[in-house]
Amino acid sequence: MALLRAHKTRQGRQCWEAHGAYQNGGDVLADDLGHPLHPDNLSKSFRVAVVQSGLPQLRLHDCRHTAASHLLMAGVPVQVVASNFGIEPAVLMRTYAHFFPGMAEDALANQSRSFLG
């Protein structure tokens, strides 16, 4: 949250410095004049950052899959995750909900607890 607040402050400063030329569309990922970043440029910047960090090869879209899977594993309702990702729940489950070891066992244990109290 602190990073997002600092980013919002930085965008406000950019808006003020642009003297009315800033196009405030509410985009978090925007250039110095408020225009949304092009997805290809964002992906390229991400690839460069991954290489510089020494991390294994990773696509920006892989982060989306990971985030969705972790939210689901944390028990966030499918409808909430899907809404935040801007997709239908069925698409979320088919595309983003990867199977992690132990998930089936956890689901059965939760089901047993709900039936048995």
PDB file of N, CA and C in Angstrom:
ATOM      1  N   MET A   1       0.823  -1.190   0.000  1.00  0.00           N
ATOM      2  CA  MET A   1       0.000   0.000   0.000  1.00  0.00           C
ATOM      3  C   MET A   1       0.868   1.256   0.000  1.00  0.00           C
ATOM      4  N   ALA A   2       1.976   1.199   0.716  1.00  0.00           N
ATOM      5  CA  ALA A   2       2.859   2.363   0.771  1.00  0.00           C
ATOM      6  C   ALA A   2       3.409   2.687  -0.621  1.00  0.00           C
ATOM      7  N   LEU A   3       3.745   1.655  -1.388  1.00  0.00           N
ATOM      8  CA  LEU A   3       4.250   1.874  -2.747  1.00  0.00           C
ATOM      9  C   LEU A   3       3.178   2.499  -3.635  1.00  0.00           C
ATOM     10  N   LEU A   4       1.943   2.023  -3.506  1.00  0.00           N
ATOM     11  CA  LEU A   4       0.857   2.580  -4.312  1.00  0.00           C
ATOM     12  C   LEU A   4       0.567   4.031  -3.937  1.00  0.00           C
ATOM     13  N   ARG A   5       0.629   4.328  -2.639  1.00  0.00           N
ATOM     14  CA  ARG A   5       0.409   5.721  -2.212  1.00  0.00           C
ATOM     15  C   ARG A   5       1.510   6.633  -2.758  1.00  0.00           C
ATOM     16  N   ALA A   6       2.740   6.163  -2.691  1.00  0.00           N
ATOM     17  CA  ALA A   6       3.855   6.956  -3.215  1.00  0.00           C
ATOM     18  C   ALA A   6       3.714   7.144  -4.721  1.00  0.00           C
ATOM     19  N   HIS A   7       3.276   6.109  -5.409  1.00  0.00           N
ATOM     20  CA  HIS A   7       3.072   6.198  -6.861  1.00  0.00           C
ATOM     21  C   HIS A   7       1.968   7.206  -7.189  1.00  0.00           C
ATOM     22  N   LYS A   8       0.893   7.182  -6.415  1.00  0.00           N
ATOM     23  CA  LYS A   8      -0.202   8.131  -6.634  1.00  0.00           C
ATOM     24  C   LYS A   8       0.281   9.566  -6.415  1.00  0.00           C
ATOM     25  N   THR A   9       1.104   9.763  -5.410  1.00  0.00           N
ATOM     26  CA  THR A   9       1.678  11.088  -5.149  1.00  0.00           C
ATOM     27  C   THR A   9       2.560  11.523  -6.319  1.00  0.00           C
ATOM     28  N   ARG A  10       3.363  10.585  -6.830  1.00  0.00           N
ATOM     29  CA  ARG A  10       4.237  10.877  -7.966  1.00  0.00           C
ATOM     30  C   ARG A  10       3.416  11.266  -9.196  1.00  0.00           C
ATOM     31  N   GLN A  11       2.300  10.536  -9.424  1.00  0.00           N
ATOM     32  CA  GLN A  11       1.430  10.864 -10.558  1.00  0.00           C
ATOM     33  C   GLN A  11       0.788  12.241 -10.381  1.00  0.00           C
ATOM     34  N   GLY A  12       0.423  12.568  -9.159  1.00  0.00           N
ATOM     35  CA  GLY A  12      -0.135  13.893  -8.901  1.00  0.00           C
ATOM     36  C   GLY A  12       0.870  14.990  -9.217  1.00  0.00           C
ATOM     37  N   ARG A  13       2.137  14.753  -8.874  1.00  0.00           N
ATOM     38  CA  ARG A  13       3.193  15.712  -9.178  1.00  0.00           C
ATOM     39  C   ARG A  13       3.381  15.836 -10.702  1.00  0.00           C
ATOM     40  N   GLN A  14       3.328  14.692 -11.409  1.00  0.00           N
ATOM     41  CA  GLN A  14       3.448  14.718 -12.869  1.00  0.00           C
ATOM     42  C   GLN A  14       2.298  15.507 -13.489  1.00  0.00           C
ATOM     43  N   CYS A  15       1.104  15.325 -12.954  1.00  0.00           N
ATOM     44  CA  CYS A  15      -0.071  16.043 -13.443  1.00  0.00           C
ATOM     45  C   CYS A  15       0.125  17.548 -13.262  1.00  0.00           C
ATOM     46  N   TRP A  16       0.590  17.959 -12.096  1.00  0.00           N
ATOM     47  CA  TRP A  16       0.812  19.374 -11.804  1.00  0.00           C
ATOM     48  C   TRP A  16       1.899  19.948 -12.711  1.00  0.00           C
ATOM     49  N   GLU A  17       2.992  19.166 -12.909  1.00  0.00           N
ATOM     50  CA  GLU A  17       4.109  19.631 -13.727  1.00  0.00           C
ATOM     51  C   GLU A  17       3.740  19.724 -15.210  1.00  0.00           C
ATOM     52  N   ALA A  18       2.737  18.968 -15.648  1.00  0.00           N
ATOM     53  CA  ALA A  18       2.344  18.951 -17.058  1.00  0.00           C
ATOM     54  C   ALA A  18       1.474  20.147 -17.424  1.00  0.00           C
ATOM     55  N   HIS A  19       1.082  20.954 -16.459  1.00  0.00           N
ATOM     56  CA  HIS A  19       0.312  22.184 -16.697  1.00  0.00           C
ATOM     57  C   HIS A  19      -0.905  21.954 -17.591  1.00  0.00           C
ATOM     58  N   GLY A  20      -1.747  21.015 -17.225  1.00  0.00           N
ATOM     59  CA  GLY A  20      -2.987  20.772 -17.965  1.00  0.00           C
ATOM     60  C   GLY A  20      -2.871  19.781 -19.110  1.00  0.00           C
ATOM     61  N   ALA A  21      -1.667  19.350 -19.454  1.00  0.00           N
ATOM     62  CA  ALA A  21      -1.490  18.388 -20.547  1.00  0.00           C
ATOM     63  C   ALA A  21      -1.668  16.947 -20.073  1.00  0.00           C
ATOM     64  N   TYR A  22      -1.751  16.746 -18.764  1.00  0.00           N
ATOM     65  CA  TYR A  22      -1.875  15.399 -18.201  1.00  0.00           C
ATOM     66  C   TYR A  22      -3.273  14.860 -18.448  1.00  0.00           C
ATOM     67  N   GLN A  23      -3.368  13.675 -19.005  1.00  0.00           N
ATOM     68  CA  GLN A  23      -4.644  13.015 -19.295  1.00  0.00           C
ATOM     69  C   GLN A  23      -4.938  12.036 -18.160  1.00  0.00           C
ATOM     70  N   ASN A  24      -5.626  12.472 -17.132  1.00  0.00           N
ATOM     71  CA  ASN A  24      -5.869  11.630 -15.964  1.00  0.00           C
ATOM     72  C   ASN A  24      -7.057  10.717 -16.202  1.00  0.00           C
ATOM     73  N   GLY A  25      -6.742   9.500 -16.675  1.00  0.00           N
ATOM     74  CA  GLY A  25      -7.775   8.495 -16.893  1.00  0.00           C
ATOM     75  C   GLY A  25      -7.881   7.525 -15.728  1.00  0.00           C
ATOM     76  N   GLY A  26      -7.131   7.787 -14.659  1.00  0.00           N
ATOM     77  CA  GLY A  26      -7.175   6.912 -13.496  1.00  0.00           C
ATOM     78  C   GLY A  26      -6.310   5.670 -13.634  1.00  0.00           C
ATOM     79  N   ASP A  27      -5.476   5.620 -14.675  1.00  0.00           N
ATOM     80  CA  ASP A  27      -4.629   4.439 -14.881  1.00  0.00           C
ATOM     81  C   ASP A  27      -3.455   4.446 -13.906  1.00  0.00           C
ATOM     82  N   VAL A  28      -3.211   3.313 -13.282  1.00  0.00           N
ATOM     83  CA  VAL A  28      -2.072   3.197 -12.381  1.00  0.00           C
ATOM     84  C   VAL A  28      -0.784   3.161 -13.192  1.00  0.00           C
ATOM     85  N   LEU A  29      -0.816   2.428 -14.296  1.00  0.00           N
ATOM     86  CA  LEU A  29       0.358   2.306 -15.149  1.00  0.00           C
ATOM     87  C   LEU A  29       0.217   3.271 -16.313  1.00  0.00           C
ATOM     88  N   ALA A  30       0.777   4.456 -16.146  1.00  0.00           N
ATOM     89  CA  ALA A  30       0.661   5.518 -17.141  1.00  0.00           C
ATOM     90  C   ALA A  30       2.004   6.201 -17.326  1.00  0.00           C
ATOM     91  N   ASP A  31       2.155   6.871 -18.479  1.00  0.00           N
ATOM     92  CA  ASP A  31       3.392   7.609 -18.726  1.00  0.00           C
ATOM     93  C   ASP A  31       3.336   8.965 -18.026  1.00  0.00           C
ATOM     94  N   ASP A  32       4.329   9.796 -18.297  1.00  0.00           N
ATOM     95  CA  ASP A  32       4.438  11.091 -17.611  1.00  0.00           C
ATOM     96  C   ASP A  32       3.288  12.044 -17.909  1.00  0.00           C
ATOM     97  N   LEU A  33       2.520  11.766 -18.977  1.00  0.00           N
ATOM     98  CA  LEU A  33       1.372  12.613 -19.313  1.00  0.00           C
ATOM     99  C   LEU A  33       0.036  11.913 -19.046  1.00  0.00           C
ATOM    100  N   GLY A  34       0.095  10.778 -18.333  1.00  0.00           N
ATOM    101  CA  GLY A  34      -1.127  10.092 -17.937  1.00  0.00           C
ATOM    102  C   GLY A  34      -1.690   9.131 -18.957  1.00  0.00           C
ATOM    103  N   HIS A  35      -1.015   8.964 -20.096  1.00  0.00           N
ATOM    104  CA  HIS A  35      -1.497   8.013 -21.099  1.00  0.00           C
ATOM    105  C   HIS A  35      -1.211   6.590 -20.627  1.00  0.00           C
ATOM    106  N   PRO A  36      -2.155   5.672 -20.808  1.00  0.00           N
ATOM    107  CA  PRO A  36      -1.914   4.287 -20.382  1.00  0.00           C
ATOM    108  C   PRO A  36      -0.695   3.704 -21.090  1.00  0.00           C
ATOM    109  N   LEU A  37       0.077   2.919 -20.358  1.00  0.00           N
ATOM    110  CA  LEU A  37       1.233   2.266 -20.964  1.00  0.00           C
ATOM    111  C   LEU A  37       0.762   1.185 -21.923  1.00  0.00           C
ATOM    112  N   HIS A  38       1.435   1.050 -23.035  1.00  0.00           N
ATOM    113  CA  HIS A  38       1.109  -0.002 -24.001  1.00  0.00           C
ATOM    114  C   HIS A  38       1.562  -1.341 -23.418  1.00  0.00           C
ATOM    115  N   PRO A  39       0.722  -2.366 -23.495  1.00  0.00           N
ATOM    116  CA  PRO A  39       1.071  -3.665 -22.891  1.00  0.00           C
ATOM    117  C   PRO A  39       2.410  -4.221 -23.377  1.00  0.00           C
ATOM    118  N   ASP A  40       2.734  -4.031 -24.656  1.00  0.00           N
ATOM    119  CA  ASP A  40       4.005  -4.557 -25.169  1.00  0.00           C
ATOM    120  C   ASP A  40       5.194  -3.866 -24.506  1.00  0.00           C
ATOM    121  N   ASN A  41       5.086  -2.558 -24.300  1.00  0.00           N
ATOM    122  CA  ASN A  41       6.177  -1.821 -23.642  1.00  0.00           C
ATOM    123  C   ASN A  41       6.311  -2.235 -22.183  1.00  0.00           C
ATOM    124  N   LEU A  42       5.187  -2.464 -21.528  1.00  0.00           N
ATOM    125  CA  LEU A  42       5.209  -2.902 -20.137  1.00  0.00           C
ATOM    126  C   LEU A  42       5.857  -4.281 -20.027  1.00  0.00           C
ATOM    127  N   SER A  43       5.477  -5.184 -20.931  1.00  0.00           N
ATOM    128  CA  SER A  43       6.068  -6.531 -20.927  1.00  0.00           C
ATOM    129  C   SER A  43       7.567  -6.470 -21.181  1.00  0.00           C
ATOM    130  N   LYS A  44       7.986  -5.607 -22.109  1.00  0.00           N
ATOM    131  CA  LYS A  44       9.416  -5.468 -22.406  1.00  0.00           C
ATOM    132  C   LYS A  44      10.172  -4.960 -21.186  1.00  0.00           C
ATOM    133  N   SER A  45       9.636  -3.953 -20.515  1.00  0.00           N
ATOM    134  CA  SER A  45      10.272  -3.422 -19.304  1.00  0.00           C
ATOM    135  C   SER A  45      10.356  -4.494 -18.223  1.00  0.00           C
ATOM    136  N   PHE A  46       9.308  -5.305 -18.118  1.00  0.00           N
ATOM    137  CA  PHE A  46       9.297  -6.375 -17.122  1.00  0.00           C
ATOM    138  C   PHE A  46      10.388  -7.403 -17.438  1.00  0.00           C
ATOM    139  N   ARG A  47      10.522  -7.777 -18.736  1.00  0.00           N
ATOM    140  CA  ARG A  47      11.559  -8.747 -19.130  1.00  0.00           C
ATOM    141  C   ARG A  47      12.951  -8.227 -18.771  1.00  0.00           C
ATOM    142  N   VAL A  48      13.182  -6.948 -19.035  1.00  0.00           N
ATOM    143  CA  VAL A  48      14.476  -6.344 -18.705  1.00  0.00           C
ATOM    144  C   VAL A  48      14.720  -6.418 -17.196  1.00  0.00           C
ATOM    145  N   ALA A  49      13.711  -6.082 -16.411  1.00  0.00           N
ATOM    146  CA  ALA A  49      13.846  -6.110 -14.948  1.00  0.00           C
ATOM    147  C   ALA A  49      14.125  -7.526 -14.449  1.00  0.00           C
ATOM    148  N   VAL A  50      13.478  -8.531 -15.057  1.00  0.00           N
ATOM    149  CA  VAL A  50      13.705  -9.919 -14.646  1.00  0.00           C
ATOM    150  C   VAL A  50      15.144 -10.324 -14.944  1.00  0.00           C
ATOM    151  N   VAL A  51      15.634  -9.996 -16.129  1.00  0.00           N
ATOM    152  CA  VAL A  51      17.011 -10.326 -16.488  1.00  0.00           C
ATOM    153  C   VAL A  51      17.988  -9.643 -15.538  1.00  0.00           C
ATOM    154  N   GLN A  52      17.764  -8.355 -15.276  1.00  0.00           N
ATOM    155  CA  GLN A  52      18.658  -7.602 -14.381  1.00  0.00           C
ATOM    156  C   GLN A  52      18.636  -8.140 -12.960  1.00  0.00           C
ATOM    157  N   SER A  53      17.497  -8.703 -12.545  1.00  0.00           N
ATOM    158  CA  SER A  53      17.388  -9.217 -11.178  1.00  0.00           C
ATOM    159  C   SER A  53      18.051 -10.573 -11.007  1.00  0.00           C
ATOM    160  N   GLY A  54      18.298 -11.251 -12.141  1.00  0.00           N
ATOM    161  CA  GLY A  54      18.882 -12.587 -12.064  1.00  0.00           C
ATOM    162  C   GLY A  54      17.868 -13.686 -11.793  1.00  0.00           C
ATOM    163  N   LEU A  55      16.584 -13.326 -11.788  1.00  0.00           N
ATOM    164  CA  LEU A  55      15.546 -14.332 -11.581  1.00  0.00           C
ATOM    165  C   LEU A  55      15.424 -15.229 -12.803  1.00  0.00           C
ATOM    166  N   PRO A  56      14.848 -16.416 -12.620  1.00  0.00           N
ATOM    167  CA  PRO A  56      14.611 -17.272 -13.780  1.00  0.00           C
ATOM    168  C   PRO A  56      13.649 -16.587 -14.757  1.00  0.00           C
ATOM    169  N   GLN A  57      13.697 -17.036 -16.024  1.00  0.00           N
ATOM    170  CA  GLN A  57      12.817 -16.487 -17.062  1.00  0.00           C
ATOM    171  C   GLN A  57      11.374 -16.473 -16.563  1.00  0.00           C
ATOM    172  N   LEU A  58      10.733 -15.316 -16.638  1.00  0.00           N
ATOM    173  CA  LEU A  58       9.376 -15.148 -16.130  1.00  0.00           C
ATOM    174  C   LEU A  58       8.674 -14.101 -16.964  1.00  0.00           C
ATOM    175  N   ARG A  59       7.439 -14.415 -17.409  1.00  0.00           N
ATOM    176  CA  ARG A  59       6.644 -13.447 -18.160  1.00  0.00           C
ATOM    177  C   ARG A  59       5.758 -12.672 -17.179  1.00  0.00           C
ATOM    178  N   LEU A  60       5.429 -11.452 -17.549  1.00  0.00           N
ATOM    179  CA  LEU A  60       4.534 -10.651 -16.723  1.00  0.00           C
ATOM    180  C   LEU A  60       3.209 -11.379 -16.528  1.00  0.00           C
ATOM    181  N   HIS A  61       2.721 -12.024 -17.576  1.00  0.00           N
ATOM    182  CA  HIS A  61       1.448 -12.730 -17.478  1.00  0.00           C
ATOM    183  C   HIS A  61       1.524 -13.891 -16.483  1.00  0.00           C
ATOM    184  N   ASP A  62       2.716 -14.456 -16.290  1.00  0.00           N
ATOM    185  CA  ASP A  62       2.878 -15.521 -15.292  1.00  0.00           C
ATOM    186  C   ASP A  62       2.523 -15.013 -13.898  1.00  0.00           C
ATOM    187  N   CYS A  63       2.781 -13.740 -13.649  1.00  0.00           N
ATOM    188  CA  CYS A  63       2.450 -13.153 -12.346  1.00  0.00           C
ATOM    189  C   CYS A  63       0.938 -13.142 -12.131  1.00  0.00           C
ATOM    190  N   ARG A  64       0.186 -12.933 -13.219  1.00  0.00           N
ATOM    191  CA  ARG A  64      -1.280 -12.947 -13.139  1.00  0.00           C
ATOM    192  C   ARG A  64      -1.761 -14.341 -12.732  1.00  0.00           C
ATOM    193  N   HIS A  65      -1.206 -15.372 -13.361  1.00  0.00           N
ATOM    194  CA  HIS A  65      -1.573 -16.750 -13.014  1.00  0.00           C
ATOM    195  C   HIS A  65      -1.245 -17.045 -11.554  1.00  0.00           C
ATOM    196  N   THR A  66      -0.061 -16.633 -11.145  1.00  0.00           N
ATOM    197  CA  THR A  66       0.366 -16.880  -9.773  1.00  0.00           C
ATOM    198  C   THR A  66      -0.542 -16.163  -8.776  1.00  0.00           C
ATOM    199  N   ALA A  67      -0.846 -14.901  -9.055  1.00  0.00           N
ATOM    200  CA  ALA A  67      -1.706 -14.131  -8.154  1.00  0.00           C
ATOM    201  C   ALA A  67      -3.082 -14.769  -8.025  1.00  0.00           C
ATOM    202  N   ALA A  68      -3.682 -15.150  -9.154  1.00  0.00           N
ATOM    203  CA  ALA A  68      -5.011 -15.772  -9.116  1.00  0.00           C
ATOM    204  C   ALA A  68      -4.971 -17.068  -8.321  1.00  0.00           C
ATOM    205  N   SER A  69      -3.969 -17.885  -8.578  1.00  0.00           N
ATOM    206  CA  SER A  69      -3.872 -19.169  -7.884  1.00  0.00           C
ATOM    207  C   SER A  69      -3.701 -18.978  -6.383  1.00  0.00           C
ATOM    208  N   HIS A  70      -2.847 -18.038  -5.985  1.00  0.00           N
ATOM    209  CA  HIS A  70      -2.618 -17.805  -4.549  1.00  0.00           C
ATOM    210  C   HIS A  70      -3.849 -17.221  -3.867  1.00  0.00           C
ATOM    211  N   LEU A  71      -4.570 -16.345  -4.550  1.00  0.00           N
ATOM    212  CA  LEU A  71      -5.806 -15.816  -3.965  1.00  0.00           C
ATOM    213  C   LEU A  71      -6.818 -16.930  -3.745  1.00  0.00           C
ATOM    214  N   LEU A  72      -6.946 -17.814  -4.724  1.00  0.00           N
ATOM    215  CA  LEU A  72      -7.880 -18.944  -4.583  1.00  0.00           C
ATOM    216  C   LEU A  72      -7.434 -19.875  -3.460  1.00  0.00           C
ATOM    217  N   MET A  73      -6.127 -20.141  -3.372  1.00  0.00           N
ATOM    218  CA  MET A  73      -5.620 -21.020  -2.307  1.00  0.00           C
ATOM    219  C   MET A  73      -5.819 -20.384  -0.933  1.00  0.00           C
ATOM    220  N   ALA A  74      -5.832 -19.053  -0.883  1.00  0.00           N
ATOM    221  CA  ALA A  74      -6.021 -18.354   0.392  1.00  0.00           C
ATOM    222  C   ALA A  74      -7.493 -18.318   0.799  1.00  0.00           C
ATOM    223  N   GLY A  75      -8.366 -18.849  -0.061  1.00  0.00           N
ATOM    224  CA  GLY A  75      -9.780 -18.918   0.280  1.00  0.00           C
ATOM    225  C   GLY A  75     -10.607 -17.736  -0.192  1.00  0.00           C
ATOM    226  N   VAL A  76     -10.022 -16.863  -1.012  1.00  0.00           N
ATOM    227  CA  VAL A  76     -10.804 -15.752  -1.558  1.00  0.00           C
ATOM    228  C   VAL A  76     -11.836 -16.348  -2.517  1.00  0.00           C
ATOM    229  N   PRO A  77     -13.097 -15.989  -2.381  1.00  0.00           N
ATOM    230  CA  PRO A  77     -14.130 -16.578  -3.236  1.00  0.00           C
ATOM    231  C   PRO A  77     -13.851 -16.366  -4.726  1.00  0.00           C
ATOM    232  N   VAL A  78     -14.174 -17.385  -5.506  1.00  0.00           N
ATOM    233  CA  VAL A  78     -13.945 -17.364  -6.951  1.00  0.00           C
ATOM    234  C   VAL A  78     -14.556 -16.112  -7.579  1.00  0.00           C
ATOM    235  N   GLN A  79     -15.763 -15.754  -7.167  1.00  0.00           N
ATOM    236  CA  GLN A  79     -16.448 -14.599  -7.746  1.00  0.00           C
ATOM    237  C   GLN A  79     -15.675 -13.302  -7.495  1.00  0.00           C
ATOM    238  N   VAL A  80     -15.068 -13.189  -6.325  1.00  0.00           N
ATOM    239  CA  VAL A  80     -14.308 -11.984  -5.981  1.00  0.00           C
ATOM    240  C   VAL A  80     -13.037 -11.901  -6.825  1.00  0.00           C
ATOM    241  N   VAL A  81     -12.316 -13.014  -6.920  1.00  0.00           N
ATOM    242  CA  VAL A  81     -11.088 -13.038  -7.715  1.00  0.00           C
ATOM    243  C   VAL A  81     -11.410 -12.739  -9.178  1.00  0.00           C
ATOM    244  N   ALA A  82     -12.443 -13.402  -9.711  1.00  0.00           N
ATOM    245  CA  ALA A  82     -12.820 -13.201 -11.110  1.00  0.00           C
ATOM    246  C   ALA A  82     -13.187 -11.749 -11.372  1.00  0.00           C
ATOM    247  N   SER A  83     -13.930 -11.152 -10.472  1.00  0.00           N
ATOM    248  CA  SER A  83     -14.326  -9.759 -10.636  1.00  0.00           C
ATOM    249  C   SER A  83     -13.105  -8.844 -10.659  1.00  0.00           C
ATOM    250  N   ASN A  84     -12.159  -9.081  -9.761  1.00  0.00           N
ATOM    251  CA  ASN A  84     -10.940  -8.270  -9.721  1.00  0.00           C
ATOM    252  C   ASN A  84     -10.090  -8.444 -10.972  1.00  0.00           C
ATOM    253  N   PHE A  85     -10.170  -9.611 -11.603  1.00  0.00           N
ATOM    254  CA  PHE A  85      -9.386  -9.879 -12.807  1.00  0.00           C
ATOM    255  C   PHE A  85     -10.155  -9.498 -14.071  1.00  0.00           C
ATOM    256  N   GLY A  86     -11.419  -9.119 -13.908  1.00  0.00           N
ATOM    257  CA  GLY A  86     -12.219  -8.698 -15.052  1.00  0.00           C
ATOM    258  C   GLY A  86     -12.619  -9.829 -15.976  1.00  0.00           C
ATOM    259  N   ILE A  87     -12.803 -11.021 -15.402  1.00  0.00           N
ATOM    260  CA  ILE A  87     -13.191 -12.181 -16.204  1.00  0.00           C
ATOM    261  C   ILE A  87     -14.309 -12.937 -15.504  1.00  0.00           C
ATOM    262  N   GLU A  88     -14.946 -13.830 -16.228  1.00  0.00           N
ATOM    263  CA  GLU A  88     -16.008 -14.672 -15.669  1.00  0.00           C
ATOM    264  C   GLU A  88     -15.401 -15.739 -14.761  1.00  0.00           C
ATOM    265  N   PRO A  89     -16.124 -16.160 -13.710  1.00  0.00           N
ATOM    266  CA  PRO A  89     -15.600 -17.193 -12.817  1.00  0.00           C
ATOM    267  C   PRO A  89     -15.197 -18.475 -13.541  1.00  0.00           C
ATOM    268  N   ALA A  90     -15.970 -18.890 -14.539  1.00  0.00           N
ATOM    269  CA  ALA A  90     -15.629 -20.130 -15.264  1.00  0.00           C
ATOM    270  C   ALA A  90     -14.291 -19.986 -15.985  1.00  0.00           C
ATOM    271  N   VAL A  91     -14.039 -18.812 -16.555  1.00  0.00           N
ATOM    272  CA  VAL A  91     -12.772 -18.571 -17.246  1.00  0.00           C
ATOM    273  C   VAL A  91     -11.628 -18.577 -16.242  1.00  0.00           C
ATOM    274  N   LEU A  92     -11.856 -17.969 -15.096  1.00  0.00           N
ATOM    275  CA  LEU A  92     -10.841 -17.953 -14.043  1.00  0.00           C
ATOM    276  C   LEU A  92     -10.463 -19.375 -13.659  1.00  0.00           C
ATOM    277  N   MET A  93     -11.453 -20.191 -13.402  1.00  0.00           N
ATOM    278  CA  MET A  93     -11.185 -21.555 -12.948  1.00  0.00           C
ATOM    279  C   MET A  93     -10.517 -22.395 -14.034  1.00  0.00           C
ATOM    280  N   ARG A  94     -10.905 -22.180 -15.268  1.00  0.00           N
ATOM    281  CA  ARG A  94     -10.357 -22.969 -16.369  1.00  0.00           C
ATOM    282  C   ARG A  94      -8.934 -22.515 -16.718  1.00  0.00           C
ATOM    283  N   THR A  95      -8.667 -21.240 -16.600  1.00  0.00           N
ATOM    284  CA  THR A  95      -7.417 -20.691 -17.101  1.00  0.00           C
ATOM    285  C   THR A  95      -6.379 -20.425 -16.020  1.00  0.00           C
ATOM    286  N   TYR A  96      -6.810 -19.898 -14.880  1.00  0.00           N
ATOM    287  CA  TYR A  96      -5.860 -19.399 -13.900  1.00  0.00           C
ATOM    288  C   TYR A  96      -5.709 -20.244 -12.644  1.00  0.00           C
ATOM    289  N   ALA A  97      -6.650 -21.102 -12.367  1.00  0.00           N
ATOM    290  CA  ALA A  97      -6.596 -21.867 -11.114  1.00  0.00           C
ATOM    291  C   ALA A  97      -5.755 -23.118 -11.316  1.00  0.00           C
ATOM    292  N   HIS A  98      -4.475 -22.987 -11.096  1.00  0.00           N
ATOM    293  CA  HIS A  98      -3.571 -24.124 -11.247  1.00  0.00           C
ATOM    294  C   HIS A  98      -3.660 -25.022 -10.023  1.00  0.00           C
ATOM    295  N   PHE A  99      -3.451 -26.281 -10.240  1.00  0.00           N
ATOM    296  CA  PHE A  99      -3.537 -27.258  -9.167  1.00  0.00           C
ATOM    297  C   PHE A  99      -2.216 -27.303  -8.418  1.00  0.00           C
ATOM    298  N   PHE A 100      -2.277 -27.037  -7.122  1.00  0.00           N
ATOM    299  CA  PHE A 100      -1.093 -27.102  -6.285  1.00  0.00           C
ATOM    300  C   PHE A 100      -1.151 -28.365  -5.436  1.00  0.00           C
ATOM    301  N   PRO A 101       0.014 -28.952  -5.125  1.00  0.00           N
ATOM    302  CA  PRO A 101       0.018 -30.140  -4.266  1.00  0.00           C
ATOM    303  C   PRO A 101      -0.702 -29.855  -2.951  1.00  0.00           C
ATOM    304  N   GLY A 102      -1.534 -30.775  -2.543  1.00  0.00           N
ATOM    305  CA  GLY A 102      -2.239 -30.653  -1.279  1.00  0.00           C
ATOM    306  C   GLY A 102      -3.593 -29.984  -1.378  1.00  0.00           C
ATOM    307  N   MET A 103      -3.908 -29.376  -2.532  1.00  0.00           N
ATOM    308  CA  MET A 103      -5.190 -28.681  -2.658  1.00  0.00           C
ATOM    309  C   MET A 103      -6.372 -29.643  -2.531  1.00  0.00           C
ATOM    310  N   ALA A 104      -6.279 -30.804  -3.161  1.00  0.00           N
ATOM    311  CA  ALA A 104      -7.384 -31.762  -3.107  1.00  0.00           C
ATOM    312  C   ALA A 104      -7.609 -32.229  -1.668  1.00  0.00           C
ATOM    313  N   GLU A 105      -6.506 -32.521  -0.970  1.00  0.00           N
ATOM    314  CA  GLU A 105      -6.619 -32.976   0.411  1.00  0.00           C
ATOM    315  C   GLU A 105      -7.233 -31.886   1.292  1.00  0.00           C
ATOM    316  N   ASP A 106      -6.795 -30.649   1.090  1.00  0.00           N
ATOM    317  CA  ASP A 106      -7.345 -29.528   1.864  1.00  0.00           C
ATOM    318  C   ASP A 106      -8.836 -29.360   1.596  1.00  0.00           C
ATOM    319  N   ALA A 107      -9.227 -29.487   0.333  1.00  0.00           N
ATOM    320  CA  ALA A 107     -10.635 -29.335  -0.018  1.00  0.00           C
ATOM    321  C   ALA A 107     -11.469 -30.423   0.644  1.00  0.00           C
ATOM    322  N   LEU A 108     -10.984 -31.651   0.629  1.00  0.00           N
ATOM    323  CA  LEU A 108     -11.719 -32.746   1.260  1.00  0.00           C
ATOM    324  C   LEU A 108     -11.792 -32.565   2.773  1.00  0.00           C
ATOM    325  N   ALA A 109     -10.714 -32.099   3.378  1.00  0.00           N
ATOM    326  CA  ALA A 109     -10.715 -31.865   4.826  1.00  0.00           C
ATOM    327  C   ALA A 109     -11.714 -30.768   5.181  1.00  0.00           C
ATOM    328  N   ASN A 110     -11.747 -29.684   4.389  1.00  0.00           N
ATOM    329  CA  ASN A 110     -12.708 -28.607   4.645  1.00  0.00           C
ATOM    330  C   ASN A 110     -14.135 -29.112   4.479  1.00  0.00           C
ATOM    331  N   GLN A 111     -14.362 -29.942   3.473  1.00  0.00           N
ATOM    332  CA  GLN A 111     -15.695 -30.482   3.247  1.00  0.00           C
ATOM    333  C   GLN A 111     -16.110 -31.371   4.414  1.00  0.00           C
ATOM    334  N   SER A 112     -15.196 -32.195   4.881  1.00  0.00           N
ATOM    335  CA  SER A 112     -15.486 -33.066   6.023  1.00  0.00           C
ATOM    336  C   SER A 112     -15.834 -32.241   7.256  1.00  0.00           C
ATOM    337  N   ARG A 113     -15.054 -31.196   7.514  1.00  0.00           N
ATOM    338  CA  ARG A 113     -15.332 -30.334   8.679  1.00  0.00           C
ATOM    339  C   ARG A 113     -16.700 -29.676   8.557  1.00  0.00           C
ATOM    340  N   SER A 114     -17.082 -29.262   7.349  1.00  0.00           N
ATOM    341  CA  SER A 114     -18.369 -28.586   7.193  1.00  0.00           C
ATOM    342  C   SER A 114     -19.525 -29.558   7.400  1.00  0.00           C
ATOM    343  N   PHE A 115     -19.326 -30.833   7.024  1.00  0.00           N
ATOM    344  CA  PHE A 115     -20.381 -31.831   7.203  1.00  0.00           C
ATOM    345  C   PHE A 115     -20.448 -32.322   8.646  1.00  0.00           C
ATOM    346  N   LEU A 116     -19.282 -32.508   9.242  1.00  0.00           N
ATOM    347  CA  LEU A 116     -19.220 -33.132  10.566  1.00  0.00           C
ATOM    348  C   LEU A 116     -19.211 -32.108  11.708  1.00  0.00           C
ATOM    349  N   GLY A 117     -18.961 -30.860  11.351  1.00  0.00           N
ATOM    350  CA  GLY A 117     -18.960 -29.819  12.391  1.00  0.00           C
ATOM    351  C   GLY A 117     -17.665 -29.635  13.007  1.00  0.00           C
TER     352      GLY A 117
END
